[in-house]
Amino acid sequence: MQEKIYMAISQYGETIHGLKHPRKDLAERLGVSPSTLKKQYTERKDRTSYHSGYILLSTGDWFTLYEVKPFGK
C-alpha cells in the first residue's frame, strides 16, 4: 500500500505540496508551531460537517487539504 500524500491550498491559491503528515508538515513549512493550526470544518448540504483543513490562528489564513493520488489508478 502506498503512503498517502497531501497538498494544501490557501484561500489565496498558494499551494504546498508533499505533505505526509498534514498538520506537522504544514506547520513546519509555515515556520509555526503545530499548536497554532486548528482544524477547519466544512458543512455539507445535509448539515453534517467534515474536517477539511487547518486555520492558522495568528493570521486567520486557512488551508484546505487534498489527498494526491496518481493519475490512472
PDB file of N, CA and C in Angstrom:
ATOM      1  N   MET A   1       0.841  -1.186   0.000  1.00  0.00           N
ATOM      2  CA  MET A   1       0.000   0.000   0.000  1.00  0.00           C
ATOM      3  C   MET A   1       0.877   1.237   0.000  1.00  0.00           C
ATOM      4  N   GLN A   2       0.551   2.164  -0.859  1.00  0.00           N
ATOM      5  CA  GLN A   2       1.330   3.383  -0.999  1.00  0.00           C
ATOM      6  C   GLN A   2       0.960   4.386   0.095  1.00  0.00           C
ATOM      7  N   GLU A   3       1.953   5.094   0.609  1.00  0.00           N
ATOM      8  CA  GLU A   3       1.731   6.102   1.646  1.00  0.00           C
ATOM      9  C   GLU A   3       0.933   7.268   1.074  1.00  0.00           C
ATOM     10  N   LYS A   4      -0.016   7.783   1.846  1.00  0.00           N
ATOM     11  CA  LYS A   4      -0.838   8.903   1.389  1.00  0.00           C
ATOM     12  C   LYS A   4      -0.020  10.187   1.391  1.00  0.00           C
ATOM     13  N   ILE A   5      -0.224  10.991   0.364  1.00  0.00           N
ATOM     14  CA  ILE A   5       0.426  12.290   0.236  1.00  0.00           C
ATOM     15  C   ILE A   5      -0.680  13.334   0.090  1.00  0.00           C
ATOM     16  N   TYR A   6      -0.495  14.483   0.741  1.00  0.00           N
ATOM     17  CA  TYR A   6      -1.485  15.547   0.717  1.00  0.00           C
ATOM     18  C   TYR A   6      -0.873  16.834   0.186  1.00  0.00           C
ATOM     19  N   MET A   7      -1.756  17.725  -0.246  1.00  0.00           N
ATOM     20  CA  MET A   7      -1.347  19.082  -0.588  1.00  0.00           C
ATOM     21  C   MET A   7      -2.327  20.026   0.087  1.00  0.00           C
ATOM     22  N   ALA A   8      -1.886  21.240   0.351  1.00  0.00           N
ATOM     23  CA  ALA A   8      -2.739  22.258   0.963  1.00  0.00           C
ATOM     24  C   ALA A   8      -2.824  23.441   0.016  1.00  0.00           C
ATOM     25  N   ILE A   9      -4.001  24.030  -0.063  1.00  0.00           N
ATOM     26  CA  ILE A   9      -4.206  25.233  -0.866  1.00  0.00           C
ATOM     27  C   ILE A   9      -4.790  26.304   0.044  1.00  0.00           C
ATOM     28  N   SER A  10      -4.126  27.465   0.102  1.00  0.00           N
ATOM     29  CA  SER A  10      -4.602  28.561   0.945  1.00  0.00           C
ATOM     30  C   SER A  10      -5.763  29.276   0.263  1.00  0.00           C
ATOM     31  N   GLN A  11      -6.425  30.155   0.993  1.00  0.00           N
ATOM     32  CA  GLN A  11      -7.529  30.917   0.406  1.00  0.00           C
ATOM     33  C   GLN A  11      -7.043  31.855  -0.694  1.00  0.00           C
ATOM     34  N   TYR A  12      -5.730  32.081  -0.780  1.00  0.00           N
ATOM     35  CA  TYR A  12      -5.150  32.934  -1.823  1.00  0.00           C
ATOM     36  C   TYR A  12      -4.647  32.136  -3.013  1.00  0.00           C
ATOM     37  N   GLY A  13      -4.765  30.806  -2.958  1.00  0.00           N
ATOM     38  CA  GLY A  13      -4.331  29.964  -4.062  1.00  0.00           C
ATOM     39  C   GLY A  13      -2.911  29.456  -3.945  1.00  0.00           C
ATOM     40  N   GLU A  14      -2.230  29.778  -2.859  1.00  0.00           N
ATOM     41  CA  GLU A  14      -0.874  29.269  -2.626  1.00  0.00           C
ATOM     42  C   GLU A  14      -0.963  27.767  -2.384  1.00  0.00           C
ATOM     43  N   THR A  15      -0.098  26.989  -3.038  1.00  0.00           N
ATOM     44  CA  THR A  15      -0.116  25.543  -2.863  1.00  0.00           C
ATOM     45  C   THR A  15       1.128  25.079  -2.115  1.00  0.00           C
ATOM     46  N   ILE A  16       0.928  24.103  -1.261  1.00  0.00           N
ATOM     47  CA  ILE A  16       2.021  23.483  -0.515  1.00  0.00           C
ATOM     48  C   ILE A  16       1.902  21.986  -0.764  1.00  0.00           C
ATOM     49  N   HIS A  17       2.913  21.418  -1.396  1.00  0.00           N
ATOM     50  CA  HIS A  17       2.877  20.034  -1.852  1.00  0.00           C
ATOM     51  C   HIS A  17       3.695  19.108  -0.956  1.00  0.00           C
ATOM     52  N   GLY A  18       3.446  17.808  -1.105  1.00  0.00           N
ATOM     53  CA  GLY A  18       4.271  16.784  -0.470  1.00  0.00           C
ATOM     54  C   GLY A  18       4.104  16.663   1.022  1.00  0.00           C
ATOM     55  N   LEU A  19       2.900  16.832   1.515  1.00  0.00           N
ATOM     56  CA  LEU A  19       2.648  16.726   2.955  1.00  0.00           C
ATOM     57  C   LEU A  19       2.316  15.273   3.300  1.00  0.00           C
ATOM     58  N   LYS A  20       3.157  14.632   4.073  1.00  0.00           N
ATOM     59  CA  LYS A  20       2.893  13.250   4.509  1.00  0.00           C
ATOM     60  C   LYS A  20       2.114  13.244   5.823  1.00  0.00           C
ATOM     61  N   HIS A  21       2.415  14.191   6.679  1.00  0.00           N
ATOM     62  CA  HIS A  21       1.719  14.384   7.954  1.00  0.00           C
ATOM     63  C   HIS A  21       1.197  15.821   7.907  1.00  0.00           C
ATOM     64  N   PRO A  22      -0.023  16.022   7.413  1.00  0.00           N
ATOM     65  CA  PRO A  22      -0.505  17.356   7.056  1.00  0.00           C
ATOM     66  C   PRO A  22      -0.282  18.454   8.097  1.00  0.00           C
ATOM     67  N   ARG A  23      -0.716  18.265   9.326  1.00  0.00           N
ATOM     68  CA  ARG A  23      -0.599  19.343  10.313  1.00  0.00           C
ATOM     69  C   ARG A  23       0.860  19.632  10.645  1.00  0.00           C
ATOM     70  N   LYS A  24       1.613  18.590  10.924  1.00  0.00           N
ATOM     71  CA  LYS A  24       3.027  18.749  11.301  1.00  0.00           C
ATOM     72  C   LYS A  24       3.830  19.361  10.148  1.00  0.00           C
ATOM     73  N   ASP A  25       3.670  18.811   8.949  1.00  0.00           N
ATOM     74  CA  ASP A  25       4.434  19.295   7.794  1.00  0.00           C
ATOM     75  C   ASP A  25       4.025  20.706   7.389  1.00  0.00           C
ATOM     76  N   LEU A  26       2.723  21.013   7.455  1.00  0.00           N
ATOM     77  CA  LEU A  26       2.257  22.353   7.110  1.00  0.00           C
ATOM     78  C   LEU A  26       2.822  23.378   8.087  1.00  0.00           C
ATOM     79  N   ALA A  27       2.791  23.063   9.371  1.00  0.00           N
ATOM     80  CA  ALA A  27       3.355  23.965  10.379  1.00  0.00           C
ATOM     81  C   ALA A  27       4.843  24.202  10.137  1.00  0.00           C
ATOM     82  N   GLU A  28       5.561  23.144   9.816  1.00  0.00           N
ATOM     83  CA  GLU A  28       6.994  23.261   9.548  1.00  0.00           C
ATOM     84  C   GLU A  28       7.253  24.177   8.361  1.00  0.00           C
ATOM     85  N   ARG A  29       6.491  24.011   7.285  1.00  0.00           N
ATOM     86  CA  ARG A  29       6.679  24.835   6.082  1.00  0.00           C
ATOM     87  C   ARG A  29       6.316  26.292   6.324  1.00  0.00           C
ATOM     88  N   LEU A  30       5.339  26.528   7.217  1.00  0.00           N
ATOM     89  CA  LEU A  30       4.924  27.896   7.526  1.00  0.00           C
ATOM     90  C   LEU A  30       5.789  28.529   8.605  1.00  0.00           C
ATOM     91  N   GLY A  31       6.628  27.722   9.259  1.00  0.00           N
ATOM     92  CA  GLY A  31       7.515  28.233  10.306  1.00  0.00           C
ATOM     93  C   GLY A  31       6.782  28.536  11.603  1.00  0.00           C
ATOM     94  N   VAL A  32       5.755  27.739  11.919  1.00  0.00           N
ATOM     95  CA  VAL A  32       4.987  27.941  13.146  1.00  0.00           C
ATOM     96  C   VAL A  32       4.897  26.625  13.914  1.00  0.00           C
ATOM     97  N   SER A  33       4.410  26.709  15.134  1.00  0.00           N
ATOM     98  CA  SER A  33       4.182  25.513  15.936  1.00  0.00           C
ATOM     99  C   SER A  33       2.901  24.823  15.479  1.00  0.00           C
ATOM    100  N   PRO A  34       2.865  23.490  15.473  1.00  0.00           N
ATOM    101  CA  PRO A  34       1.632  22.792  15.090  1.00  0.00           C
ATOM    102  C   PRO A  34       0.422  23.188  15.936  1.00  0.00           C
ATOM    103  N   SER A  35       0.657  23.635  17.169  1.00  0.00           N
ATOM    104  CA  SER A  35      -0.460  24.022  18.038  1.00  0.00           C
ATOM    105  C   SER A  35      -1.162  25.285  17.564  1.00  0.00           C
ATOM    106  N   THR A  36      -0.531  26.047  16.655  1.00  0.00           N
ATOM    107  CA  THR A  36      -1.178  27.258  16.121  1.00  0.00           C
ATOM    108  C   THR A  36      -2.077  26.953  14.929  1.00  0.00           C
ATOM    109  N   LEU A  37      -2.120  25.690  14.511  1.00  0.00           N
ATOM    110  CA  LEU A  37      -3.014  25.272  13.437  1.00  0.00           C
ATOM    111  C   LEU A  37      -4.208  24.541  14.041  1.00  0.00           C
ATOM    112  N   LYS A  38      -5.390  25.065  13.818  1.00  0.00           N
ATOM    113  CA  LYS A  38      -6.608  24.441  14.339  1.00  0.00           C
ATOM    114  C   LYS A  38      -7.428  23.891  13.182  1.00  0.00           C
ATOM    115  N   LYS A  39      -8.158  22.825  13.463  1.00  0.00           N
ATOM    116  CA  LYS A  39      -8.951  22.169  12.420  1.00  0.00           C
ATOM    117  C   LYS A  39      -9.995  23.113  11.830  1.00  0.00           C
ATOM    118  N   GLN A  40     -10.135  23.020  10.518  1.00  0.00           N
ATOM    119  CA  GLN A  40     -11.160  23.753   9.781  1.00  0.00           C
ATOM    120  C   GLN A  40     -12.216  22.732   9.368  1.00  0.00           C
ATOM    121  N   TYR A  41     -13.469  23.081   9.515  1.00  0.00           N
ATOM    122  CA  TYR A  41     -14.559  22.183   9.140  1.00  0.00           C
ATOM    123  C   TYR A  41     -15.394  22.820   8.041  1.00  0.00           C
ATOM    124  N   THR A  42     -15.915  21.985   7.162  1.00  0.00           N
ATOM    125  CA  THR A  42     -16.797  22.425   6.090  1.00  0.00           C
ATOM    126  C   THR A  42     -18.131  21.715   6.248  1.00  0.00           C
ATOM    127  N   GLU A  43     -19.210  22.468   6.042  1.00  0.00           N
ATOM    128  CA  GLU A  43     -20.545  21.895   6.188  1.00  0.00           C
ATOM    129  C   GLU A  43     -21.076  21.428   4.842  1.00  0.00           C
ATOM    130  N   ARG A  44     -21.664  20.236   4.841  1.00  0.00           N
ATOM    131  CA  ARG A  44     -22.294  19.686   3.637  1.00  0.00           C
ATOM    132  C   ARG A  44     -23.732  20.186   3.544  1.00  0.00           C
ATOM    133  N   LYS A  45     -24.381  19.902   2.416  1.00  0.00           N
ATOM    134  CA  LYS A  45     -25.771  20.316   2.230  1.00  0.00           C
ATOM    135  C   LYS A  45     -26.695  19.672   3.249  1.00  0.00           C
ATOM    136  N   ASP A  46     -26.358  18.445   3.693  1.00  0.00           N
ATOM    137  CA  ASP A  46     -27.216  17.765   4.668  1.00  0.00           C
ATOM    138  C   ASP A  46     -26.922  18.218   6.106  1.00  0.00           C
ATOM    139  N   ARG A  47     -26.133  19.268   6.256  1.00  0.00           N
ATOM    140  CA  ARG A  47     -25.805  19.922   7.522  1.00  0.00           C
ATOM    141  C   ARG A  47     -24.820  19.148   8.391  1.00  0.00           C
ATOM    142  N   THR A  48     -24.238  18.070   7.865  1.00  0.00           N
ATOM    143  CA  THR A  48     -23.144  17.413   8.576  1.00  0.00           C
ATOM    144  C   THR A  48     -21.858  18.135   8.192  1.00  0.00           C
ATOM    145  N   SER A  49     -20.835  17.988   8.977  1.00  0.00           N
ATOM    146  CA  SER A  49     -19.579  18.672   8.667  1.00  0.00           C
ATOM    147  C   SER A  49     -18.435  17.669   8.661  1.00  0.00           C
ATOM    148  N   TYR A  50     -17.338  18.068   8.026  1.00  0.00           N
ATOM    149  CA  TYR A  50     -16.151  17.222   7.947  1.00  0.00           C
ATOM    150  C   TYR A  50     -14.901  18.086   8.051  1.00  0.00           C
ATOM    151  N   HIS A  51     -13.827  17.473   8.551  1.00  0.00           N
ATOM    152  CA  HIS A  51     -12.537  18.161   8.678  1.00  0.00           C
ATOM    153  C   HIS A  51     -11.975  18.364   7.280  1.00  0.00           C
ATOM    154  N   SER A  52     -11.764  19.614   6.893  1.00  0.00           N
ATOM    155  CA  SER A  52     -11.335  19.902   5.521  1.00  0.00           C
ATOM    156  C   SER A  52      -9.974  20.575   5.438  1.00  0.00           C
ATOM    157  N   GLY A  53      -9.390  20.962   6.561  1.00  0.00           N
ATOM    158  CA  GLY A  53      -8.095  21.627   6.513  1.00  0.00           C
ATOM    159  C   GLY A  53      -7.734  22.236   7.854  1.00  0.00           C
ATOM    160  N   TYR A  54      -6.916  23.308   7.806  1.00  0.00           N
ATOM    161  CA  TYR A  54      -6.444  23.960   9.024  1.00  0.00           C
ATOM    162  C   TYR A  54      -6.498  25.468   8.882  1.00  0.00           C
ATOM    163  N   ILE A  55      -6.706  26.137  10.020  1.00  0.00           N
ATOM    164  CA  ILE A  55      -6.682  27.594  10.105  1.00  0.00           C
ATOM    165  C   ILE A  55      -5.471  27.988  10.927  1.00  0.00           C
ATOM    166  N   LEU A  56      -4.690  28.944  10.424  1.00  0.00           N
ATOM    167  CA  LEU A  56      -3.537  29.469  11.143  1.00  0.00           C
ATOM    168  C   LEU A  56      -4.038  30.578  12.060  1.00  0.00           C
ATOM    169  N   LEU A  57      -4.015  30.338  13.363  1.00  0.00           N
ATOM    170  CA  LEU A  57      -4.620  31.260  14.323  1.00  0.00           C
ATOM    171  C   LEU A  57      -4.014  32.658  14.309  1.00  0.00           C
ATOM    172  N   SER A  58      -2.720  32.770  14.111  1.00  0.00           N
ATOM    173  CA  SER A  58      -2.062  34.077  14.199  1.00  0.00           C
ATOM    174  C   SER A  58      -2.471  35.029  13.072  1.00  0.00           C
ATOM    175  N   THR A  59      -2.845  34.489  11.916  1.00  0.00           N
ATOM    176  CA  THR A  59      -3.188  35.351  10.776  1.00  0.00           C
ATOM    177  C   THR A  59      -4.625  35.172  10.291  1.00  0.00           C
ATOM    178  N   GLY A  60      -5.261  34.067  10.665  1.00  0.00           N
ATOM    179  CA  GLY A  60      -6.606  33.779  10.181  1.00  0.00           C
ATOM    180  C   GLY A  60      -6.614  33.136   8.798  1.00  0.00           C
ATOM    181  N   ASP A  61      -5.425  32.880   8.239  1.00  0.00           N
ATOM    182  CA  ASP A  61      -5.352  32.219   6.929  1.00  0.00           C
ATOM    183  C   ASP A  61      -5.813  30.779   7.061  1.00  0.00           C
ATOM    184  N   TRP A  62      -6.464  30.269   6.031  1.00  0.00           N
ATOM    185  CA  TRP A  62      -6.881  28.872   6.084  1.00  0.00           C
ATOM    186  C   TRP A  62      -6.332  28.096   4.900  1.00  0.00           C
ATOM    187  N   PHE A  63      -6.150  26.808   5.122  1.00  0.00           N
ATOM    188  CA  PHE A  63      -5.578  25.892   4.148  1.00  0.00           C
ATOM    189  C   PHE A  63      -6.489  24.684   4.017  1.00  0.00           C
ATOM    190  N   THR A  64      -6.971  24.434   2.814  1.00  0.00           N
ATOM    191  CA  THR A  64      -7.805  23.275   2.540  1.00  0.00           C
ATOM    192  C   THR A  64      -6.895  22.140   2.094  1.00  0.00           C
ATOM    193  N   LEU A  65      -7.120  20.948   2.635  1.00  0.00           N
ATOM    194  CA  LEU A  65      -6.286  19.790   2.319  1.00  0.00           C
ATOM    195  C   LEU A  65      -6.904  18.938   1.216  1.00  0.00           C
ATOM    196  N   TYR A  66      -6.037  18.373   0.393  1.00  0.00           N
ATOM    197  CA  TYR A  66      -6.432  17.451  -0.669  1.00  0.00           C
ATOM    198  C   TYR A  66      -5.492  16.264  -0.655  1.00  0.00           C
ATOM    199  N   GLU A  67      -6.044  15.074  -0.839  1.00  0.00           N
ATOM    200  CA  GLU A  67      -5.216  13.883  -0.981  1.00  0.00           C
ATOM    201  C   GLU A  67      -4.786  13.794  -2.431  1.00  0.00           C
ATOM    202  N   VAL A  68      -3.498  13.582  -2.671  1.00  0.00           N
ATOM    203  CA  VAL A  68      -2.955  13.486  -4.025  1.00  0.00           C
ATOM    204  C   VAL A  68      -2.849  12.007  -4.384  1.00  0.00           C
ATOM    205  N   LYS A  69      -3.469  11.643  -5.498  1.00  0.00           N
ATOM    206  CA  LYS A  69      -3.426  10.255  -5.947  1.00  0.00           C
ATOM    207  C   LYS A  69      -2.831  10.196  -7.347  1.00  0.00           C
ATOM    208  N   PRO A  70      -2.090   9.132  -7.672  1.00  0.00           N
ATOM    209  CA  PRO A  70      -1.534   9.003  -9.009  1.00  0.00           C
ATOM    210  C   PRO A  70      -2.642   8.927 -10.067  1.00  0.00           C
ATOM    211  N   PHE A  71      -2.410   9.548 -11.189  1.00  0.00           N
ATOM    212  CA  PHE A  71      -3.377   9.529 -12.281  1.00  0.00           C
ATOM    213  C   PHE A  71      -3.458   8.126 -12.874  1.00  0.00           C
ATOM    214  N   GLY A  72      -4.646   7.687 -13.201  1.00  0.00           N
ATOM    215  CA  GLY A  72      -4.819   6.407 -13.888  1.00  0.00           C
ATOM    216  C   GLY A  72      -4.909   5.189 -12.997  1.00  0.00           C
ATOM    217  N   LYS A  73      -5.028   5.381 -11.701  1.00  0.00           N
ATOM    218  CA  LYS A  73      -5.166   4.214 -10.811  1.00  0.00           C
ATOM    219  C   LYS A  73      -6.567   4.142 -10.284  1.00  0.00           C
TER     220      LYS A  73
END
